[in-house]
Amino acid sequence: MSEPKSIGGTEEKPPTKVCKTCGIKKELTQFSPSKLGALGRKPKCKPCMVIENRAYRAANLERIRIQNTRSADKNRDKIRAYHRRAGQLPSCKAKNSKRLKDWRIRHPERVAAQEQARRALRRGELVRPSTCAHCGNTRKLEMSHTDYSKPIDIEWLCHKCHRLKDARLRREGKM
Protein backbone atom coordinates (compact mmCIF):
# COMPACT_ATOMS: atom_id res chain seq x y z
CA MET A 1 0.00 0.00 0.00
CA SER A 2 1.15 3.51 -0.65
CA GLU A 3 1.84 5.88 2.22
CA PRO A 4 -0.45 8.92 2.66
CA LYS A 5 1.13 12.06 1.24
CA SER A 6 1.70 15.09 3.38
CA ILE A 7 1.03 18.49 1.83
CA GLY A 8 1.59 21.56 4.02
CA GLY A 9 1.25 19.61 7.26
CA THR A 10 -2.02 17.84 6.38
CA GLU A 11 -2.06 14.21 5.38
CA GLU A 12 -3.79 13.38 2.13
CA LYS A 13 -5.66 10.05 2.31
CA PRO A 14 -5.80 7.82 -0.77
CA PRO A 15 -9.17 7.83 -2.57
CA THR A 16 -11.62 5.17 -1.41
CA LYS A 17 -14.78 3.50 -2.63
CA VAL A 18 -17.45 1.25 -1.07
CA CYS A 19 -17.76 -2.26 -2.54
CA LYS A 20 -21.24 -2.98 -3.91
CA THR A 21 -21.10 -6.60 -2.68
CA CYS A 22 -19.46 -6.58 0.76
CA GLY A 23 -20.19 -2.94 1.65
CA ILE A 24 -16.67 -2.32 2.96
CA LYS A 25 -14.91 0.96 2.22
CA LYS A 26 -11.58 0.19 0.50
CA GLU A 27 -8.79 1.98 -1.37
CA LEU A 28 -9.25 2.32 -5.14
CA THR A 29 -6.37 -0.11 -5.72
CA GLN A 30 -8.69 -2.85 -4.39
CA PHE A 31 -11.00 -2.34 -7.41
CA SER A 32 -10.23 -3.36 -11.01
CA PRO A 33 -10.10 -0.58 -13.62
CA SER A 34 -13.25 0.08 -15.66
CA LYS A 35 -14.02 2.82 -18.17
CA LEU A 36 -17.68 2.80 -17.16
CA GLY A 37 -17.42 2.63 -13.35
CA ALA A 38 -17.39 5.50 -10.89
CA LEU A 39 -13.85 6.82 -10.33
CA GLY A 40 -12.77 4.62 -13.27
CA ARG A 41 -13.15 1.42 -11.23
CA LYS A 42 -15.54 -1.54 -11.11
CA PRO A 43 -18.27 -1.45 -8.45
CA LYS A 44 -17.09 -4.67 -6.73
CA CYS A 45 -13.73 -5.16 -5.01
CA LYS A 46 -11.24 -7.73 -6.33
CA PRO A 47 -11.81 -10.33 -3.56
CA CYS A 48 -15.58 -10.19 -4.12
CA MET A 49 -15.08 -10.53 -7.88
CA VAL A 50 -12.94 -13.64 -7.34
CA ILE A 51 -15.68 -15.24 -5.21
CA GLU A 52 -18.36 -14.29 -7.74
CA ASN A 53 -16.33 -15.58 -10.71
CA ARG A 54 -15.61 -18.91 -8.98
CA ALA A 55 -19.29 -19.40 -8.16
CA TYR A 56 -20.32 -18.59 -11.74
CA ARG A 57 -17.73 -20.98 -13.15
CA ALA A 58 -18.83 -23.80 -10.82
CA ALA A 59 -22.50 -23.26 -11.74
CA ASN A 60 -21.84 -23.02 -15.51
CA LEU A 61 -18.85 -25.32 -16.03
CA GLU A 62 -20.35 -27.38 -18.87
CA ARG A 63 -21.52 -24.26 -20.72
CA ILE A 64 -18.07 -22.68 -20.36
CA ARG A 65 -16.37 -25.85 -21.65
CA ILE A 66 -18.65 -25.89 -24.70
CA GLN A 67 -17.92 -22.21 -25.40
CA ASN A 68 -14.18 -22.76 -25.02
CA THR A 69 -14.28 -25.77 -27.37
CA ARG A 70 -16.24 -23.80 -29.98
CA SER A 71 -13.84 -20.88 -29.72
CA ALA A 72 -10.81 -23.16 -30.01
CA ASP A 73 -12.31 -24.90 -33.07
CA LYS A 74 -13.22 -21.59 -34.69
CA ASN A 75 -9.76 -20.08 -34.09
CA ARG A 76 -7.64 -23.22 -34.50
CA ASP A 77 -5.43 -21.68 -37.22
CA LYS A 78 -4.83 -18.50 -35.21
CA ILE A 79 -3.99 -20.51 -32.08
CA ARG A 80 -1.57 -22.75 -33.99
CA ALA A 81 0.12 -19.72 -35.58
CA TYR A 82 0.47 -18.08 -32.15
CA HIS A 83 2.03 -21.18 -30.61
CA ARG A 84 4.27 -21.68 -33.62
CA ARG A 85 5.56 -18.09 -33.31
CA ALA A 86 5.95 -18.38 -29.53
CA GLY A 87 7.83 -21.69 -29.91
CA GLN A 88 10.33 -20.02 -32.22
CA LEU A 89 11.45 -17.58 -29.55
CA PRO A 90 14.99 -18.40 -28.34
CA SER A 91 13.86 -18.46 -24.70
CA CYS A 92 11.12 -21.01 -25.50
CA LYS A 93 13.42 -23.18 -27.60
CA ALA A 94 16.03 -23.30 -24.85
CA LYS A 95 13.46 -24.06 -22.15
CA ASN A 96 11.76 -26.79 -24.20
CA SER A 97 15.10 -28.33 -25.15
CA LYS A 98 16.18 -28.47 -21.49
CA ARG A 99 12.80 -29.88 -20.41
CA LEU A 100 12.99 -32.64 -23.06
CA LYS A 101 16.61 -33.47 -22.16
CA ASP A 102 15.73 -33.71 -18.45
CA TRP A 103 12.70 -35.91 -19.20
CA ARG A 104 14.81 -38.27 -21.34
CA ILE A 105 17.34 -38.61 -18.49
CA ARG A 106 14.60 -39.31 -15.92
CA HIS A 107 12.78 -41.88 -18.11
CA PRO A 108 15.29 -44.00 -20.09
CA GLU A 109 12.90 -47.00 -20.25
CA ARG A 110 10.21 -44.88 -21.91
CA VAL A 111 12.71 -43.41 -24.39
CA ALA A 112 13.92 -46.90 -25.32
CA ALA A 113 10.35 -48.20 -25.79
CA GLN A 114 9.40 -45.22 -27.96
CA GLU A 115 12.49 -45.66 -30.13
CA GLN A 116 11.82 -49.40 -30.56
CA ALA A 117 8.22 -48.68 -31.55
CA ARG A 118 9.33 -46.04 -34.09
CA ARG A 119 11.84 -48.50 -35.60
CA ALA A 120 9.14 -51.21 -35.81
CA LEU A 121 6.85 -48.74 -37.57
CA ARG A 122 9.57 -47.90 -40.12
CA ARG A 123 10.29 -51.61 -40.72
CA GLY A 124 6.58 -52.28 -41.27
CA GLU A 125 6.12 -54.43 -38.15
CA LEU A 126 3.56 -51.90 -36.90
CA VAL A 127 0.84 -50.36 -39.04
CA ARG A 128 -0.64 -46.96 -38.24
CA PRO A 129 -4.47 -47.20 -38.34
CA SER A 130 -6.60 -44.36 -39.70
CA THR A 131 -8.74 -43.78 -36.58
CA CYS A 132 -8.25 -43.33 -32.82
CA ALA A 133 -8.84 -46.54 -30.85
CA HIS A 134 -10.97 -44.67 -28.26
CA CYS A 135 -13.00 -42.01 -30.07
CA GLY A 136 -12.62 -42.81 -33.76
CA ASN A 137 -11.09 -39.40 -34.54
CA THR A 138 -9.15 -39.29 -37.81
CA ARG A 139 -6.68 -36.56 -36.85
CA LYS A 140 -2.97 -37.32 -36.40
CA LEU A 141 -2.57 -40.39 -34.19
CA GLU A 142 0.04 -40.99 -31.50
CA MET A 143 1.52 -44.20 -30.12
CA SER A 144 0.46 -44.85 -26.54
CA HIS A 145 2.29 -47.34 -24.33
CA THR A 146 0.49 -48.78 -21.33
CA ASP A 147 3.47 -50.95 -20.37
CA TYR A 148 6.91 -49.70 -21.42
CA SER A 149 8.43 -53.16 -20.94
CA LYS A 150 6.41 -54.19 -24.03
CA PRO A 151 7.54 -51.61 -26.61
CA ILE A 152 5.58 -53.05 -29.55
CA ASP A 153 2.33 -53.39 -27.57
CA ILE A 154 0.88 -49.94 -28.32
CA GLU A 155 -2.49 -48.31 -28.74
CA TRP A 156 -3.06 -45.66 -31.44
CA LEU A 157 -4.80 -42.61 -29.96
CA CYS A 158 -5.52 -39.03 -30.99
CA HIS A 159 -3.75 -36.34 -28.96
CA LYS A 160 -6.76 -35.66 -26.71
CA CYS A 161 -7.43 -39.33 -25.87
CA HIS A 162 -3.70 -39.91 -25.31
CA ARG A 163 -3.51 -37.03 -22.78
CA LEU A 164 -6.67 -38.24 -21.00
CA LYS A 165 -5.33 -41.80 -20.81
CA ASP A 166 -1.96 -40.64 -19.44
CA ALA A 167 -3.70 -38.42 -16.86
CA ARG A 168 -5.84 -41.38 -15.73
CA LEU A 169 -2.76 -43.63 -15.45
CA ARG A 170 -0.93 -40.95 -13.42
CA ARG A 171 -3.94 -40.63 -11.06
CA GLU A 172 -3.95 -44.41 -10.60
CA GLY A 173 -0.20 -44.39 -9.94
CA LYS A 174 0.60 -46.63 -12.92
CA MET A 175 2.75 -44.07 -14.67
C-alpha atoms as a PDB file:
ATOM      1  CA  MET A   1       0.000   0.000   0.000  1.00  0.00           C
ATOM      2  CA  SER A   2       1.151   3.515  -0.648  1.00  0.00           C
ATOM      3  CA  GLU A   3       1.841   5.880   2.216  1.00  0.00           C
ATOM      4  CA  PRO A   4      -0.452   8.920   2.662  1.00  0.00           C
ATOM      5  CA  LYS A   5       1.134  12.063   1.236  1.00  0.00           C
ATOM      6  CA  SER A   6       1.703  15.086   3.382  1.00  0.00           C
ATOM      7  CA  ILE A   7       1.027  18.490   1.835  1.00  0.00           C
ATOM      8  CA  GLY A   8       1.590  21.556   4.023  1.00  0.00           C
ATOM      9  CA  GLY A   9       1.251  19.614   7.261  1.00  0.00           C
ATOM     10  CA  THR A  10      -2.016  17.845   6.379  1.00  0.00           C
ATOM     11  CA  GLU A  11      -2.061  14.210   5.383  1.00  0.00           C
ATOM     12  CA  GLU A  12      -3.791  13.378   2.126  1.00  0.00           C
ATOM     13  CA  LYS A  13      -5.659  10.053   2.309  1.00  0.00           C
ATOM     14  CA  PRO A  14      -5.795   7.822  -0.767  1.00  0.00           C
ATOM     15  CA  PRO A  15      -9.167   7.826  -2.575  1.00  0.00           C
ATOM     16  CA  THR A  16     -11.616   5.171  -1.408  1.00  0.00           C
ATOM     17  CA  LYS A  17     -14.776   3.501  -2.629  1.00  0.00           C
ATOM     18  CA  VAL A  18     -17.446   1.250  -1.074  1.00  0.00           C
ATOM     19  CA  CYS A  19     -17.764  -2.259  -2.540  1.00  0.00           C
ATOM     20  CA  LYS A  20     -21.243  -2.981  -3.914  1.00  0.00           C
ATOM     21  CA  THR A  21     -21.102  -6.597  -2.676  1.00  0.00           C
ATOM     22  CA  CYS A  22     -19.457  -6.584   0.757  1.00  0.00           C
ATOM     23  CA  GLY A  23     -20.195  -2.943   1.651  1.00  0.00           C
ATOM     24  CA  ILE A  24     -16.667  -2.322   2.962  1.00  0.00           C
ATOM     25  CA  LYS A  25     -14.907   0.961   2.220  1.00  0.00           C
ATOM     26  CA  LYS A  26     -11.581   0.194   0.502  1.00  0.00           C
ATOM     27  CA  GLU A  27      -8.793   1.977  -1.368  1.00  0.00           C
ATOM     28  CA  LEU A  28      -9.252   2.317  -5.139  1.00  0.00           C
ATOM     29  CA  THR A  29      -6.372  -0.107  -5.719  1.00  0.00           C
ATOM     30  CA  GLN A  30      -8.691  -2.854  -4.394  1.00  0.00           C
ATOM     31  CA  PHE A  31     -10.998  -2.339  -7.411  1.00  0.00           C
ATOM     32  CA  SER A  32     -10.230  -3.360 -11.009  1.00  0.00           C
ATOM     33  CA  PRO A  33     -10.103  -0.577 -13.617  1.00  0.00           C
ATOM     34  CA  SER A  34     -13.247   0.085 -15.656  1.00  0.00           C
ATOM     35  CA  LYS A  35     -14.017   2.819 -18.172  1.00  0.00           C
ATOM     36  CA  LEU A  36     -17.678   2.804 -17.159  1.00  0.00           C
ATOM     37  CA  GLY A  37     -17.419   2.628 -13.350  1.00  0.00           C
ATOM     38  CA  ALA A  38     -17.389   5.505 -10.892  1.00  0.00           C
ATOM     39  CA  LEU A  39     -13.848   6.824 -10.334  1.00  0.00           C
ATOM     40  CA  GLY A  40     -12.774   4.619 -13.267  1.00  0.00           C
ATOM     41  CA  ARG A  41     -13.154   1.423 -11.227  1.00  0.00           C
ATOM     42  CA  LYS A  42     -15.539  -1.544 -11.115  1.00  0.00           C
ATOM     43  CA  PRO A  43     -18.274  -1.453  -8.450  1.00  0.00           C
ATOM     44  CA  LYS A  44     -17.092  -4.666  -6.725  1.00  0.00           C
ATOM     45  CA  CYS A  45     -13.727  -5.162  -5.006  1.00  0.00           C
ATOM     46  CA  LYS A  46     -11.236  -7.734  -6.330  1.00  0.00           C
ATOM     47  CA  PRO A  47     -11.806 -10.333  -3.558  1.00  0.00           C
ATOM     48  CA  CYS A  48     -15.584 -10.187  -4.116  1.00  0.00           C
ATOM     49  CA  MET A  49     -15.085 -10.526  -7.879  1.00  0.00           C
ATOM     50  CA  VAL A  50     -12.938 -13.640  -7.342  1.00  0.00           C
ATOM     51  CA  ILE A  51     -15.681 -15.235  -5.214  1.00  0.00           C
ATOM     52  CA  GLU A  52     -18.362 -14.286  -7.745  1.00  0.00           C
ATOM     53  CA  ASN A  53     -16.333 -15.581 -10.711  1.00  0.00           C
ATOM     54  CA  ARG A  54     -15.608 -18.911  -8.980  1.00  0.00           C
ATOM     55  CA  ALA A  55     -19.287 -19.396  -8.161  1.00  0.00           C
ATOM     56  CA  TYR A  56     -20.317 -18.586 -11.740  1.00  0.00           C
ATOM     57  CA  ARG A  57     -17.732 -20.982 -13.153  1.00  0.00           C
ATOM     58  CA  ALA A  58     -18.828 -23.797 -10.818  1.00  0.00           C
ATOM     59  CA  ALA A  59     -22.499 -23.261 -11.742  1.00  0.00           C
ATOM     60  CA  ASN A  60     -21.843 -23.021 -15.507  1.00  0.00           C
ATOM     61  CA  LEU A  61     -18.850 -25.323 -16.031  1.00  0.00           C
ATOM     62  CA  GLU A  62     -20.350 -27.379 -18.867  1.00  0.00           C
ATOM     63  CA  ARG A  63     -21.521 -24.264 -20.722  1.00  0.00           C
ATOM     64  CA  ILE A  64     -18.067 -22.680 -20.357  1.00  0.00           C
ATOM     65  CA  ARG A  65     -16.374 -25.852 -21.654  1.00  0.00           C
ATOM     66  CA  ILE A  66     -18.647 -25.888 -24.703  1.00  0.00           C
ATOM     67  CA  GLN A  67     -17.921 -22.208 -25.398  1.00  0.00           C
ATOM     68  CA  ASN A  68     -14.176 -22.764 -25.020  1.00  0.00           C
ATOM     69  CA  THR A  69     -14.280 -25.767 -27.374  1.00  0.00           C
ATOM     70  CA  ARG A  70     -16.243 -23.800 -29.982  1.00  0.00           C
ATOM     71  CA  SER A  71     -13.844 -20.885 -29.719  1.00  0.00           C
ATOM     72  CA  ALA A  72     -10.812 -23.164 -30.014  1.00  0.00           C
ATOM     73  CA  ASP A  73     -12.312 -24.897 -33.065  1.00  0.00           C
ATOM     74  CA  LYS A  74     -13.219 -21.593 -34.688  1.00  0.00           C
ATOM     75  CA  ASN A  75      -9.759 -20.081 -34.086  1.00  0.00           C
ATOM     76  CA  ARG A  76      -7.643 -23.217 -34.496  1.00  0.00           C
ATOM     77  CA  ASP A  77      -5.426 -21.682 -37.215  1.00  0.00           C
ATOM     78  CA  LYS A  78      -4.830 -18.501 -35.206  1.00  0.00           C
ATOM     79  CA  ILE A  79      -3.995 -20.508 -32.084  1.00  0.00           C
ATOM     80  CA  ARG A  80      -1.570 -22.746 -33.993  1.00  0.00           C
ATOM     81  CA  ALA A  81       0.116 -19.716 -35.578  1.00  0.00           C
ATOM     82  CA  TYR A  82       0.473 -18.076 -32.150  1.00  0.00           C
ATOM     83  CA  HIS A  83       2.034 -21.182 -30.609  1.00  0.00           C
ATOM     84  CA  ARG A  84       4.271 -21.685 -33.617  1.00  0.00           C
ATOM     85  CA  ARG A  85       5.564 -18.090 -33.312  1.00  0.00           C
ATOM     86  CA  ALA A  86       5.952 -18.385 -29.532  1.00  0.00           C
ATOM     87  CA  GLY A  87       7.825 -21.691 -29.912  1.00  0.00           C
ATOM     88  CA  GLN A  88      10.334 -20.020 -32.223  1.00  0.00           C
ATOM     89  CA  LEU A  89      11.451 -17.579 -29.549  1.00  0.00           C
ATOM     90  CA  PRO A  90      14.988 -18.397 -28.343  1.00  0.00           C
ATOM     91  CA  SER A  91      13.856 -18.463 -24.703  1.00  0.00           C
ATOM     92  CA  CYS A  92      11.120 -21.011 -25.502  1.00  0.00           C
ATOM     93  CA  LYS A  93      13.423 -23.178 -27.602  1.00  0.00           C
ATOM     94  CA  ALA A  94      16.035 -23.303 -24.845  1.00  0.00           C
ATOM     95  CA  LYS A  95      13.460 -24.059 -22.151  1.00  0.00           C
ATOM     96  CA  ASN A  96      11.755 -26.791 -24.203  1.00  0.00           C
ATOM     97  CA  SER A  97      15.097 -28.327 -25.146  1.00  0.00           C
ATOM     98  CA  LYS A  98      16.177 -28.469 -21.494  1.00  0.00           C
ATOM     99  CA  ARG A  99      12.804 -29.880 -20.412  1.00  0.00           C
ATOM    100  CA  LEU A 100      12.993 -32.645 -23.059  1.00  0.00           C
ATOM    101  CA  LYS A 101      16.606 -33.469 -22.165  1.00  0.00           C
ATOM    102  CA  ASP A 102      15.728 -33.709 -18.445  1.00  0.00           C
ATOM    103  CA  TRP A 103      12.699 -35.913 -19.204  1.00  0.00           C
ATOM    104  CA  ARG A 104      14.807 -38.267 -21.342  1.00  0.00           C
ATOM    105  CA  ILE A 105      17.343 -38.607 -18.486  1.00  0.00           C
ATOM    106  CA  ARG A 106      14.597 -39.312 -15.924  1.00  0.00           C
ATOM    107  CA  HIS A 107      12.779 -41.885 -18.114  1.00  0.00           C
ATOM    108  CA  PRO A 108      15.291 -43.998 -20.090  1.00  0.00           C
ATOM    109  CA  GLU A 109      12.904 -47.001 -20.246  1.00  0.00           C
ATOM    110  CA  ARG A 110      10.214 -44.880 -21.915  1.00  0.00           C
ATOM    111  CA  VAL A 111      12.708 -43.413 -24.388  1.00  0.00           C
ATOM    112  CA  ALA A 112      13.920 -46.902 -25.321  1.00  0.00           C
ATOM    113  CA  ALA A 113      10.352 -48.199 -25.790  1.00  0.00           C
ATOM    114  CA  GLN A 114       9.401 -45.222 -27.964  1.00  0.00           C
ATOM    115  CA  GLU A 115      12.491 -45.662 -30.132  1.00  0.00           C
ATOM    116  CA  GLN A 116      11.825 -49.397 -30.560  1.00  0.00           C
ATOM    117  CA  ALA A 117       8.218 -48.683 -31.550  1.00  0.00           C
ATOM    118  CA  ARG A 118       9.331 -46.042 -34.092  1.00  0.00           C
ATOM    119  CA  ARG A 119      11.840 -48.501 -35.603  1.00  0.00           C
ATOM    120  CA  ALA A 120       9.142 -51.210 -35.805  1.00  0.00           C
ATOM    121  CA  LEU A 121       6.853 -48.743 -37.574  1.00  0.00           C
ATOM    122  CA  ARG A 122       9.571 -47.897 -40.121  1.00  0.00           C
ATOM    123  CA  ARG A 123      10.293 -51.610 -40.715  1.00  0.00           C
ATOM    124  CA  GLY A 124       6.581 -52.282 -41.272  1.00  0.00           C
ATOM    125  CA  GLU A 125       6.120 -54.434 -38.148  1.00  0.00           C
ATOM    126  CA  LEU A 126       3.565 -51.900 -36.897  1.00  0.00           C
ATOM    127  CA  VAL A 127       0.838 -50.357 -39.035  1.00  0.00           C
ATOM    128  CA  ARG A 128      -0.640 -46.958 -38.240  1.00  0.00           C
ATOM    129  CA  PRO A 129      -4.469 -47.198 -38.335  1.00  0.00           C
ATOM    130  CA  SER A 130      -6.598 -44.356 -39.698  1.00  0.00           C
ATOM    131  CA  THR A 131      -8.740 -43.777 -36.577  1.00  0.00           C
ATOM    132  CA  CYS A 132      -8.250 -43.332 -32.824  1.00  0.00           C
ATOM    133  CA  ALA A 133      -8.840 -46.540 -30.846  1.00  0.00           C
ATOM    134  CA  HIS A 134     -10.968 -44.668 -28.259  1.00  0.00           C
ATOM    135  CA  CYS A 135     -13.000 -42.011 -30.067  1.00  0.00           C
ATOM    136  CA  GLY A 136     -12.623 -42.807 -33.763  1.00  0.00           C
ATOM    137  CA  ASN A 137     -11.087 -39.400 -34.542  1.00  0.00           C
ATOM    138  CA  THR A 138      -9.150 -39.293 -37.812  1.00  0.00           C
ATOM    139  CA  ARG A 139      -6.676 -36.558 -36.849  1.00  0.00           C
ATOM    140  CA  LYS A 140      -2.972 -37.317 -36.397  1.00  0.00           C
ATOM    141  CA  LEU A 141      -2.572 -40.386 -34.192  1.00  0.00           C
ATOM    142  CA  GLU A 142       0.039 -40.994 -31.496  1.00  0.00           C
ATOM    143  CA  MET A 143       1.516 -44.201 -30.119  1.00  0.00           C
ATOM    144  CA  SER A 144       0.458 -44.846 -26.537  1.00  0.00           C
ATOM    145  CA  HIS A 145       2.292 -47.339 -24.326  1.00  0.00           C
ATOM    146  CA  THR A 146       0.492 -48.784 -21.329  1.00  0.00           C
ATOM    147  CA  ASP A 147       3.470 -50.953 -20.365  1.00  0.00           C
ATOM    148  CA  TYR A 148       6.906 -49.699 -21.417  1.00  0.00           C
ATOM    149  CA  SER A 149       8.431 -53.164 -20.941  1.00  0.00           C
ATOM    150  CA  LYS A 150       6.407 -54.194 -24.028  1.00  0.00           C
ATOM    151  CA  PRO A 151       7.540 -51.609 -26.610  1.00  0.00           C
ATOM    152  CA  ILE A 152       5.575 -53.049 -29.554  1.00  0.00           C
ATOM    153  CA  ASP A 153       2.329 -53.395 -27.566  1.00  0.00           C
ATOM    154  CA  ILE A 154       0.885 -49.944 -28.316  1.00  0.00           C
ATOM    155  CA  GLU A 155      -2.491 -48.311 -28.743  1.00  0.00           C
ATOM    156  CA  TRP A 156      -3.059 -45.659 -31.437  1.00  0.00           C
ATOM    157  CA  LEU A 157      -4.799 -42.605 -29.959  1.00  0.00           C
ATOM    158  CA  CYS A 158      -5.523 -39.027 -30.990  1.00  0.00           C
ATOM    159  CA  HIS A 159      -3.750 -36.341 -28.958  1.00  0.00           C
ATOM    160  CA  LYS A 160      -6.758 -35.657 -26.709  1.00  0.00           C
ATOM    161  CA  CYS A 161      -7.425 -39.326 -25.870  1.00  0.00           C
ATOM    162  CA  HIS A 162      -3.696 -39.909 -25.307  1.00  0.00           C
ATOM    163  CA  ARG A 163      -3.507 -37.035 -22.780  1.00  0.00           C
ATOM    164  CA  LEU A 164      -6.669 -38.238 -21.005  1.00  0.00           C
ATOM    165  CA  LYS A 165      -5.332 -41.802 -20.806  1.00  0.00           C
ATOM    166  CA  ASP A 166      -1.956 -40.635 -19.440  1.00  0.00           C
ATOM    167  CA  ALA A 167      -3.703 -38.424 -16.860  1.00  0.00           C
ATOM    168  CA  ARG A 168      -5.841 -41.381 -15.735  1.00  0.00           C
ATOM    169  CA  LEU A 169      -2.764 -43.629 -15.454  1.00  0.00           C
ATOM    170  CA  ARG A 170      -0.934 -40.950 -13.421  1.00  0.00           C
ATOM    171  CA  ARG A 171      -3.938 -40.627 -11.063  1.00  0.00           C
ATOM    172  CA  GLU A 172      -3.954 -44.415 -10.598  1.00  0.00           C
ATOM    173  CA  GLY A 173      -0.196 -44.393  -9.937  1.00  0.00           C
ATOM    174  CA  LYS A 174       0.595 -46.627 -12.922  1.00  0.00           C
ATOM    175  CA  MET A 175       2.751 -44.069 -14.671  1.00  0.00           C
END
